[in-house]
Amino acid sequence: MNLTKYVVSAAALSVLLGTAAVAQTDEPANVIGCLHMQKKVSAALDANQQSPNYSEAKSQAQGAAGFCSQGLYKIGVSGYSKALELLGAS
């Protein structure tokens, strides 16, 4: 029984890690990457205003913009990527 729980947990973790790897973007973690991602997210928000995840994606994008403005580019680009994922536009 414990072995089954362990196997199921390991499988779930590998699926989660695989999903996170796919969600990564090719944008560099710098000012240019933040600007490119900001444009992509802005266009995705405009195109998906009826999305059930719109509010969450918009909040995620605002947070990402804050990180980028603080010089935390890797976190900012990752946040923008998450916003795109929420909108189904990644």
Protein backbone atom coordinates (compact mmCIF):
# COMPACT_ATOMS: atom_id res chain seq x y z
CA MET A 1 0.00 0.00 0.00
CA ASN A 2 2.77 2.45 0.92
CA LEU A 3 4.67 1.50 -2.23
CA THR A 4 1.63 2.34 -4.34
CA LYS A 5 1.35 5.78 -2.74
CA TYR A 6 5.05 6.34 -3.38
CA VAL A 7 4.78 5.34 -7.05
CA VAL A 8 1.70 7.52 -7.60
CA SER A 9 3.41 10.47 -5.91
CA ALA A 10 6.56 10.02 -8.00
CA ALA A 11 4.51 9.85 -11.20
CA ALA A 12 2.60 13.00 -10.28
CA LEU A 13 5.82 14.84 -9.51
CA SER A 14 7.39 13.89 -12.83
CA VAL A 15 4.29 15.08 -14.71
CA LEU A 16 4.42 18.36 -12.80
CA LEU A 17 8.11 18.85 -13.55
CA GLY A 18 7.56 17.99 -17.20
CA THR A 19 4.78 20.57 -17.43
CA ALA A 20 6.99 23.20 -15.83
CA ALA A 21 9.76 22.47 -18.33
CA VAL A 22 7.35 22.89 -21.25
CA ALA A 23 6.11 26.20 -19.83
CA GLN A 24 9.62 27.65 -19.95
CA THR A 25 10.13 30.31 -22.56
CA ASP A 26 12.97 30.91 -24.97
CA GLU A 27 13.13 34.54 -23.90
CA PRO A 28 16.32 35.60 -22.13
CA ALA A 29 16.16 36.64 -18.50
CA ASN A 30 16.97 40.31 -19.13
CA VAL A 31 15.26 43.60 -20.01
CA ILE A 32 14.67 42.52 -23.61
CA GLY A 33 13.08 39.24 -22.50
CA CYS A 34 10.77 41.13 -20.16
CA LEU A 35 9.75 43.54 -22.91
CA HIS A 36 9.05 40.74 -25.39
CA MET A 37 7.03 38.80 -22.85
CA GLN A 38 5.13 41.93 -21.83
CA LYS A 39 4.06 42.44 -25.45
CA LYS A 40 3.05 38.78 -25.83
CA VAL A 41 1.01 38.83 -22.63
CA SER A 42 -0.61 42.14 -23.51
CA ALA A 43 -1.73 40.73 -26.88
CA ALA A 44 -2.93 37.51 -25.22
CA LEU A 45 -4.92 39.47 -22.62
CA ASP A 46 -6.55 41.53 -25.39
CA ALA A 47 -7.43 38.40 -27.35
CA ASN A 48 -8.72 36.40 -24.38
CA GLN A 49 -10.86 38.84 -22.41
CA GLN A 50 -13.57 36.20 -21.95
CA SER A 51 -11.17 33.64 -20.48
CA PRO A 52 -12.17 32.34 -17.04
CA ASN A 53 -8.52 32.86 -16.01
CA TYR A 54 -8.35 36.47 -17.29
CA SER A 55 -8.19 38.14 -13.85
CA GLU A 56 -5.58 35.76 -12.55
CA ALA A 57 -3.49 36.12 -15.72
CA LYS A 58 -3.71 39.91 -15.52
CA SER A 59 -2.60 39.85 -11.87
CA GLN A 60 0.23 37.50 -12.79
CA ALA A 61 1.34 39.87 -15.55
CA GLN A 62 1.25 42.86 -13.20
CA GLY A 63 3.40 40.96 -10.72
CA ALA A 64 5.81 39.98 -13.48
CA ALA A 65 6.09 43.62 -14.53
CA GLY A 66 6.97 44.52 -10.95
CA PHE A 67 9.71 41.91 -10.84
CA CYS A 68 11.11 43.10 -14.17
CA SER A 69 11.15 46.71 -12.98
CA GLN A 70 13.08 45.60 -9.88
CA GLY A 71 15.71 43.90 -12.04
CA LEU A 72 14.52 40.39 -11.17
CA TYR A 73 14.26 39.43 -14.84
CA LYS A 74 14.20 35.65 -14.46
CA ILE A 75 11.24 35.81 -12.08
CA GLY A 76 9.53 38.39 -14.30
CA VAL A 77 9.89 36.36 -17.48
CA SER A 78 8.67 33.28 -15.61
CA GLY A 79 5.66 35.24 -14.34
CA TYR A 80 4.78 36.38 -17.84
CA SER A 81 5.11 32.77 -19.01
CA LYS A 82 2.66 31.69 -16.30
CA ALA A 83 0.21 34.40 -17.43
CA LEU A 84 0.39 33.07 -20.98
CA GLU A 85 -0.17 29.56 -19.69
CA LEU A 86 -3.26 30.68 -17.79
CA LEU A 87 -4.66 32.17 -20.98
CA GLY A 88 -3.79 29.09 -23.01
CA ALA A 89 -1.53 31.18 -25.21
CA SER A 90 1.88 29.77 -24.30
